[in-house]
Each structure stands twice: as structure tokens, then as C-alpha cells.
């Protein structure tokens, strides 16, 4: 039985640095192979579970950041498309923009061939509208691909958390069962004498 669990866990040993949890079918052979006693095994598994929880928190934070970033990129793409449409029709674009929190000003944007994109870290670069559209489209595709990978990582991680929790329960229950057997054996030996 333990060879089946070893072969299934060896097919995926990790995903992007997240180690795979081993499902333990036979606790006795697991303890023998790992060289742990019950308390050491439970401590090791609890530590691994805490590591998984920490990684999960980090991945969830990354997921929130990406989920906030994607609508911003979409909005930027829409703005550049609006500028292109207004330029094509020859109209000026009249818009309100935020100067400071709660303070807005009206602006007339005349035909322009370039836009400035905020790249972060106090860096803003001027691009042609076509370059800006291409850059934003690439950034959007990369963000969506990263989000898909992140969701898959989170699913893998949740599976590892579940496997680890089940393993902790199996080791603990096996220990309780072994103690009851020893207690029953000691009681039977005491009654015989």
C-alpha cells in the first residue's frame, strides 16, 4: 500500500517551489521510512502545514494585486482607444481629470499622436498611441496569464493543505489506536496476574 502512495506522490514533487505533500496510507511504514516517532512526525507535519498557509497568504495577496491591476489596464486601453477615435474624427476630447483627492479640472485634449503611461516607481514614459496600445495589450495578456498560473498554484496548494491535514489526522488517530491497544494489553496482562 505504501508503494502506491509513494508512486502517486512522486509524479508531482513540487509546483513552482511548493513541495507536494505525501498522502500516507500506512502510518507505521511512513514512520519507519521517515525515521520519525509520532510526536516528531506530527511536529513536522504541523510545520509543513504552517508553511503552506504562509505561502497561501502570499499567493492570495498576489492574486488580489493582479485582480486589481487587470481592470486598470483595461481602463487605460479604453482611454487610448477613445483618444484614437477622437483623433480619427478630428474632434477634441473634453474630459475631467483629478488634480488632487476630490478636486477636478476640465481639460481639452487636442489631436495628439502620443500618450504618457505611468509605469510606476515615479516613472512616466511617452509612447505613440499605437505603441501604448501594444504595450498595454501585452501587459494585459501577461497579467491574465499570471493570474491563471496563480489560480492553478492556489488550487495545488489547497490540495497539499488538505492532504497534510488528512495525514496529521491519520497519524494522530493511529497513535491513539496504538495507545489503546497497549492499554488493553496492559489491562489484560494485569488481570491475568
C-alpha atoms as a PDB file:
ATOM      1  CA  UNK A   1       0.000   0.000   0.000  1.00  0.00           C
ATOM      2  CA  UNK A   2       2.788   2.407   0.786  1.00  0.00           C
ATOM      3  CA  UNK A   3       4.353   1.890  -2.639  1.00  0.00           C
ATOM      4  CA  UNK A   4       1.153   3.096  -4.290  1.00  0.00           C
ATOM      5  CA  UNK A   5       1.173   6.265  -2.233  1.00  0.00           C
ATOM      6  CA  UNK A   6       4.866   6.798  -2.934  1.00  0.00           C
ATOM      7  CA  UNK A   7       4.448   6.388  -6.692  1.00  0.00           C
ATOM      8  CA  UNK A   8       1.473   8.758  -6.867  1.00  0.00           C
ATOM      9  CA  UNK A   9       3.250  11.463  -4.867  1.00  0.00           C
ATOM     10  CA  UNK A  10       6.480  11.102  -6.832  1.00  0.00           C
ATOM     11  CA  UNK A  11       4.705  12.048 -10.070  1.00  0.00           C
ATOM     12  CA  UNK A  12       4.351  15.634  -8.785  1.00  0.00           C
ATOM     13  CA  UNK A  13       7.078  16.501  -6.304  1.00  0.00           C
ATOM     14  CA  UNK A  14       6.532  20.251  -6.409  1.00  0.00           C
ATOM     15  CA  UNK A  15       4.882  23.054  -8.320  1.00  0.00           C
ATOM     16  CA  UNK A  16       6.808  26.299  -8.666  1.00  0.00           C
ATOM     17  CA  UNK A  17       8.692  25.716  -5.427  1.00  0.00           C
ATOM     18  CA  UNK A  18       5.723  24.407  -3.429  1.00  0.00           C
ATOM     19  CA  UNK A  19       6.583  20.894  -2.243  1.00  0.00           C
ATOM     20  CA  UNK A  20       3.955  18.222  -2.728  1.00  0.00           C
ATOM     21  CA  UNK A  21       2.500  16.588   0.364  1.00  0.00           C
ATOM     22  CA  UNK A  22       2.685  12.828   0.591  1.00  0.00           C
ATOM     23  CA  UNK A  23      -0.580  11.040   1.289  1.00  0.00           C
ATOM     24  CA  UNK A  24       0.083   8.457   3.992  1.00  0.00           C
ATOM     25  CA  UNK A  25      -1.933   5.279   3.715  1.00  0.00           C
ATOM     26  CA  UNK A  26       0.132   3.155   6.109  1.00  0.00           C
ATOM     27  CA  UNK A  27       1.210   5.232   9.098  1.00  0.00           C
ATOM     28  CA  UNK A  28       3.502   2.550  10.522  1.00  0.00           C
ATOM     29  CA  UNK A  29       5.546   2.259   7.323  1.00  0.00           C
ATOM     30  CA  UNK A  30       5.572   6.076   6.966  1.00  0.00           C
ATOM     31  CA  UNK A  31       7.031   6.438  10.460  1.00  0.00           C
ATOM     32  CA  UNK A  32       9.552   3.679   9.803  1.00  0.00           C
ATOM     33  CA  UNK A  33      10.667   5.097   6.445  1.00  0.00           C
ATOM     34  CA  UNK A  34      10.876   8.689   7.667  1.00  0.00           C
ATOM     35  CA  UNK A  35      12.616   7.765  10.927  1.00  0.00           C
ATOM     36  CA  UNK A  36      10.149   9.831  12.951  1.00  0.00           C
ATOM     37  CA  UNK A  37       8.366   8.938  16.115  1.00  0.00           C
ATOM     38  CA  UNK A  38       4.722  10.034  16.350  1.00  0.00           C
ATOM     39  CA  UNK A  39       5.416  13.360  18.044  1.00  0.00           C
ATOM     40  CA  UNK A  40       8.215  14.243  15.604  1.00  0.00           C
ATOM     41  CA  UNK A  41       6.007  13.328  12.643  1.00  0.00           C
ATOM     42  CA  UNK A  42       3.137  15.450  13.980  1.00  0.00           C
ATOM     43  CA  UNK A  43       5.516  18.370  14.608  1.00  0.00           C
ATOM     44  CA  UNK A  44       6.968  18.065  11.100  1.00  0.00           C
ATOM     45  CA  UNK A  45       3.505  17.907   9.529  1.00  0.00           C
ATOM     46  CA  UNK A  46       2.260  20.884  11.571  1.00  0.00           C
ATOM     47  CA  UNK A  47       5.300  22.922  10.475  1.00  0.00           C
ATOM     48  CA  UNK A  48       4.684  21.948   6.845  1.00  0.00           C
ATOM     49  CA  UNK A  49       1.039  22.965   7.230  1.00  0.00           C
ATOM     50  CA  UNK A  50       2.099  26.357   8.581  1.00  0.00           C
ATOM     51  CA  UNK A  51       4.481  26.788   5.639  1.00  0.00           C
ATOM     52  CA  UNK A  52       1.634  26.021   3.246  1.00  0.00           C
ATOM     53  CA  UNK A  53      -0.580  28.583   4.997  1.00  0.00           C
ATOM     54  CA  UNK A  54       2.142  31.226   4.727  1.00  0.00           C
ATOM     55  CA  UNK A  55       2.616  30.562   1.007  1.00  0.00           C
ATOM     56  CA  UNK A  56      -1.158  30.658   0.564  1.00  0.00           C
ATOM     57  CA  UNK A  57      -1.313  34.110   2.173  1.00  0.00           C
ATOM     58  CA  UNK A  58       1.406  35.368  -0.188  1.00  0.00           C
ATOM     59  CA  UNK A  59      -0.306  33.898  -3.249  1.00  0.00           C
ATOM     60  CA  UNK A  60      -3.660  35.365  -2.231  1.00  0.00           C
ATOM     61  CA  UNK A  61      -2.028  38.798  -1.903  1.00  0.00           C
ATOM     62  CA  UNK A  62      -0.527  38.419  -5.391  1.00  0.00           C
ATOM     63  CA  UNK A  63      -3.933  37.351  -6.697  1.00  0.00           C
ATOM     64  CA  UNK A  64      -5.603  40.437  -5.202  1.00  0.00           C
ATOM     65  CA  UNK A  65      -2.926  42.656  -6.764  1.00  0.00           C
ATOM     66  CA  UNK A  66      -3.396  41.092 -10.199  1.00  0.00           C
ATOM     67  CA  UNK A  67      -7.177  41.261  -9.939  1.00  0.00           C
ATOM     68  CA  UNK A  68      -6.865  44.987  -9.209  1.00  0.00           C
ATOM     69  CA  UNK A  69      -4.300  45.525 -11.968  1.00  0.00           C
ATOM     70  CA  UNK A  70      -6.318  43.947 -14.803  1.00  0.00           C
ATOM     71  CA  UNK A  71      -9.241  46.445 -14.658  1.00  0.00           C
ATOM     72  CA  UNK A  72      -6.734  49.332 -14.517  1.00  0.00           C
ATOM     73  CA  UNK A  73      -5.034  48.097 -17.687  1.00  0.00           C
ATOM     74  CA  UNK A  74      -8.441  47.648 -19.361  1.00  0.00           C
ATOM     75  CA  UNK A  75      -9.356  51.215 -18.408  1.00  0.00           C
ATOM     76  CA  UNK A  76      -6.080  52.514 -19.875  1.00  0.00           C
ATOM     77  CA  UNK A  77      -6.735  50.602 -23.098  1.00  0.00           C
ATOM     78  CA  UNK A  78     -10.218  52.133 -23.302  1.00  0.00           C
ATOM     79  CA  UNK A  79      -8.788  55.626 -22.801  1.00  0.00           C
ATOM     80  CA  UNK A  80      -6.193  55.150 -25.542  1.00  0.00           C
ATOM     81  CA  UNK A  81      -8.907  53.773 -27.847  1.00  0.00           C
ATOM     82  CA  UNK A  82     -11.078  56.823 -27.079  1.00  0.00           C
ATOM     83  CA  UNK A  83      -8.156  59.127 -27.904  1.00  0.00           C
ATOM     84  CA  UNK A  84      -7.628  57.293 -31.199  1.00  0.00           C
ATOM     85  CA  UNK A  85     -11.330  57.528 -32.071  1.00  0.00           C
ATOM     86  CA  UNK A  86     -11.438  61.262 -31.287  1.00  0.00           C
ATOM     87  CA  UNK A  87      -8.256  61.831 -33.289  1.00  0.00           C
ATOM     88  CA  UNK A  88      -9.705  59.949 -36.256  1.00  0.00           C
ATOM     89  CA  UNK A  89     -12.841  62.108 -36.198  1.00  0.00           C
ATOM     90  CA  UNK A  90     -10.812  65.302 -35.746  1.00  0.00           C
ATOM     91  CA  UNK A  91     -12.643  66.279 -32.549  1.00  0.00           C
ATOM     92  CA  UNK A  92     -11.007  67.492 -29.372  1.00  0.00           C
ATOM     93  CA  UNK A  93     -11.599  65.372 -26.310  1.00  0.00           C
ATOM     94  CA  UNK A  94     -13.080  67.245 -23.349  1.00  0.00           C
ATOM     95  CA  UNK A  95     -12.610  65.467 -20.062  1.00  0.00           C
ATOM     96  CA  UNK A  96     -12.464  65.999 -16.319  1.00  0.00           C
ATOM     97  CA  UNK A  97      -9.375  64.813 -14.508  1.00  0.00           C
ATOM     98  CA  UNK A  98      -8.479  64.595 -10.866  1.00  0.00           C
ATOM     99  CA  UNK A  99      -5.871  67.072  -9.690  1.00  0.00           C
ATOM    100  CA  UNK A 100      -5.982  66.021  -6.081  1.00  0.00           C
ATOM    101  CA  UNK A 101      -8.354  63.971  -3.980  1.00  0.00           C
ATOM    102  CA  UNK A 102     -11.805  65.401  -4.618  1.00  0.00           C
ATOM    103  CA  UNK A 103     -10.531  68.268  -6.824  1.00  0.00           C
ATOM    104  CA  UNK A 104     -11.178  68.012 -10.555  1.00  0.00           C
ATOM    105  CA  UNK A 105     -10.423  70.200 -13.541  1.00  0.00           C
ATOM    106  CA  UNK A 106     -11.775  70.190 -17.066  1.00  0.00           C
ATOM    107  CA  UNK A 107      -9.325  69.791 -19.931  1.00  0.00           C
ATOM    108  CA  UNK A 108      -9.476  69.913 -23.698  1.00  0.00           C
ATOM    109  CA  UNK A 109      -7.183  67.365 -25.307  1.00  0.00           C
ATOM    110  CA  UNK A 110      -6.369  68.352 -28.851  1.00  0.00           C
ATOM    111  CA  UNK A 111      -5.226  65.940 -31.508  1.00  0.00           C
ATOM    112  CA  UNK A 112      -2.174  64.222 -30.218  1.00  0.00           C
ATOM    113  CA  UNK A 113      -0.074  61.407 -31.547  1.00  0.00           C
ATOM    114  CA  UNK A 114       1.317  60.335 -28.200  1.00  0.00           C
ATOM    115  CA  UNK A 115       0.217  59.395 -24.708  1.00  0.00           C
ATOM    116  CA  UNK A 116       2.111  59.204 -21.445  1.00  0.00           C
ATOM    117  CA  UNK A 117       1.877  55.983 -19.467  1.00  0.00           C
ATOM    118  CA  UNK A 118       2.651  55.744 -15.772  1.00  0.00           C
ATOM    119  CA  UNK A 119       4.965  52.775 -15.375  1.00  0.00           C
ATOM    120  CA  UNK A 120       5.306  53.027 -11.605  1.00  0.00           C
ATOM    121  CA  UNK A 121       8.271  53.828  -9.383  1.00  0.00           C
ATOM    122  CA  UNK A 122       7.867  57.511 -10.321  1.00  0.00           C
ATOM    123  CA  UNK A 123       8.447  56.726 -13.997  1.00  0.00           C
ATOM    124  CA  UNK A 124       6.240  58.007 -16.802  1.00  0.00           C
ATOM    125  CA  UNK A 125       7.098  57.487 -20.469  1.00  0.00           C
ATOM    126  CA  UNK A 126       5.662  58.954 -23.615  1.00  0.00           C
ATOM    127  CA  UNK A 127       4.526  56.478 -26.280  1.00  0.00           C
ATOM    128  CA  UNK A 128       2.795  56.807 -29.597  1.00  0.00           C
ATOM    129  CA  UNK A 129      -0.836  55.709 -29.382  1.00  0.00           C
ATOM    130  CA  UNK A 130      -0.043  52.525 -31.300  1.00  0.00           C
ATOM    131  CA  UNK A 131       2.925  51.670 -29.071  1.00  0.00           C
ATOM    132  CA  UNK A 132       0.845  52.413 -25.981  1.00  0.00           C
ATOM    133  CA  UNK A 133      -1.942  50.144 -27.184  1.00  0.00           C
ATOM    134  CA  UNK A 134       0.530  47.375 -27.950  1.00  0.00           C
ATOM    135  CA  UNK A 135       2.275  47.740 -24.569  1.00  0.00           C
ATOM    136  CA  UNK A 136      -0.983  47.794 -22.647  1.00  0.00           C
ATOM    137  CA  UNK A 137      -2.309  44.803 -24.591  1.00  0.00           C
ATOM    138  CA  UNK A 138       0.882  42.856 -23.812  1.00  0.00           C
ATOM    139  CA  UNK A 139       0.672  43.832 -20.143  1.00  0.00           C
ATOM    140  CA  UNK A 140      -2.982  42.745 -20.033  1.00  0.00           C
ATOM    141  CA  UNK A 141      -2.191  39.363 -21.599  1.00  0.00           C
ATOM    142  CA  UNK A 142       0.727  38.849 -19.195  1.00  0.00           C
ATOM    143  CA  UNK A 143      -1.407  39.790 -16.184  1.00  0.00           C
ATOM    144  CA  UNK A 144      -4.179  37.393 -17.239  1.00  0.00           C
ATOM    145  CA  UNK A 145      -1.671  34.585 -17.833  1.00  0.00           C
ATOM    146  CA  UNK A 146      -0.054  35.257 -14.440  1.00  0.00           C
ATOM    147  CA  UNK A 147      -3.474  35.170 -12.805  1.00  0.00           C
ATOM    148  CA  UNK A 148      -4.224  31.785 -14.391  1.00  0.00           C
ATOM    149  CA  UNK A 149      -0.918  30.372 -13.147  1.00  0.00           C
ATOM    150  CA  UNK A 150      -1.586  31.828  -9.709  1.00  0.00           C
ATOM    151  CA  UNK A 151      -5.047  30.258  -9.552  1.00  0.00           C
ATOM    152  CA  UNK A 152      -3.546  26.881 -10.502  1.00  0.00           C
ATOM    153  CA  UNK A 153      -0.854  27.329  -7.830  1.00  0.00           C
ATOM    154  CA  UNK A 154      -3.509  28.136  -5.234  1.00  0.00           C
ATOM    155  CA  UNK A 155      -5.502  25.035  -6.185  1.00  0.00           C
ATOM    156  CA  UNK A 156      -2.377  22.885  -5.946  1.00  0.00           C
ATOM    157  CA  UNK A 157      -1.577  24.468  -2.579  1.00  0.00           C
ATOM    158  CA  UNK A 158      -5.090  23.864  -1.242  1.00  0.00           C
ATOM    159  CA  UNK A 159      -4.784  20.212  -2.271  1.00  0.00           C
ATOM    160  CA  UNK A 160      -1.486  19.986  -0.367  1.00  0.00           C
ATOM    161  CA  UNK A 161      -3.066  21.588   2.714  1.00  0.00           C
ATOM    162  CA  UNK A 162      -5.909  19.058   2.590  1.00  0.00           C
ATOM    163  CA  UNK A 163      -3.518  16.132   2.169  1.00  0.00           C
ATOM    164  CA  UNK A 164      -1.380  17.374   5.060  1.00  0.00           C
ATOM    165  CA  UNK A 165      -4.410  17.847   7.318  1.00  0.00           C
ATOM    166  CA  UNK A 166      -5.630  14.337   6.497  1.00  0.00           C
ATOM    167  CA  UNK A 167      -2.151  12.948   7.167  1.00  0.00           C
ATOM    168  CA  UNK A 168      -1.998  14.722  10.534  1.00  0.00           C
ATOM    169  CA  UNK A 169      -5.371  13.233  11.449  1.00  0.00           C
ATOM    170  CA  UNK A 170      -4.297   9.753  10.308  1.00  0.00           C
ATOM    171  CA  UNK A 171      -1.046   9.874  12.299  1.00  0.00           C
ATOM    172  CA  UNK A 172      -2.828  11.178  15.403  1.00  0.00           C
ATOM    173  CA  UNK A 173      -5.613   8.569  15.142  1.00  0.00           C
ATOM    174  CA  UNK A 174      -3.071   5.819  14.562  1.00  0.00           C
ATOM    175  CA  UNK A 175      -1.222   6.927  17.718  1.00  0.00           C
ATOM    176  CA  UNK A 176      -4.467   6.927  19.737  1.00  0.00           C
ATOM    177  CA  UNK A 177      -5.272   3.457  18.395  1.00  0.00           C
ATOM    178  CA  UNK A 178      -1.790   2.171  19.300  1.00  0.00           C
ATOM    179  CA  UNK A 179      -2.091   3.582  22.827  1.00  0.00           C
ATOM    180  CA  UNK A 180      -5.473   1.889  23.292  1.00  0.00           C
ATOM    181  CA  UNK A 181      -4.025  -1.419  22.129  1.00  0.00           C
ATOM    182  CA  UNK A 182      -1.123  -1.058  24.597  1.00  0.00           C
ATOM    183  CA  UNK A 183      -3.527  -0.091  27.369  1.00  0.00           C
ATOM    184  CA  UNK A 184      -5.821  -3.050  26.592  1.00  0.00           C
ATOM    185  CA  UNK A 185      -2.807  -5.380  26.507  1.00  0.00           C
ATOM    186  CA  UNK A 186      -1.529  -3.997  29.815  1.00  0.00           C
ATOM    187  CA  UNK A 187      -5.007  -4.358  31.374  1.00  0.00           C
ATOM    188  CA  UNK A 188      -5.292  -7.930  30.121  1.00  0.00           C
ATOM    189  CA  UNK A 189      -1.838  -8.765  31.497  1.00  0.00           C
ATOM    190  CA  UNK A 190      -2.718  -7.211  34.846  1.00  0.00           C
ATOM    191  CA  UNK A 191      -5.926  -9.229  35.081  1.00  0.00           C
ATOM    192  CA  UNK A 192      -4.085 -12.489  34.321  1.00  0.00           C
ATOM    193  CA  UNK A 193      -1.568 -11.920  37.119  1.00  0.00           C
END
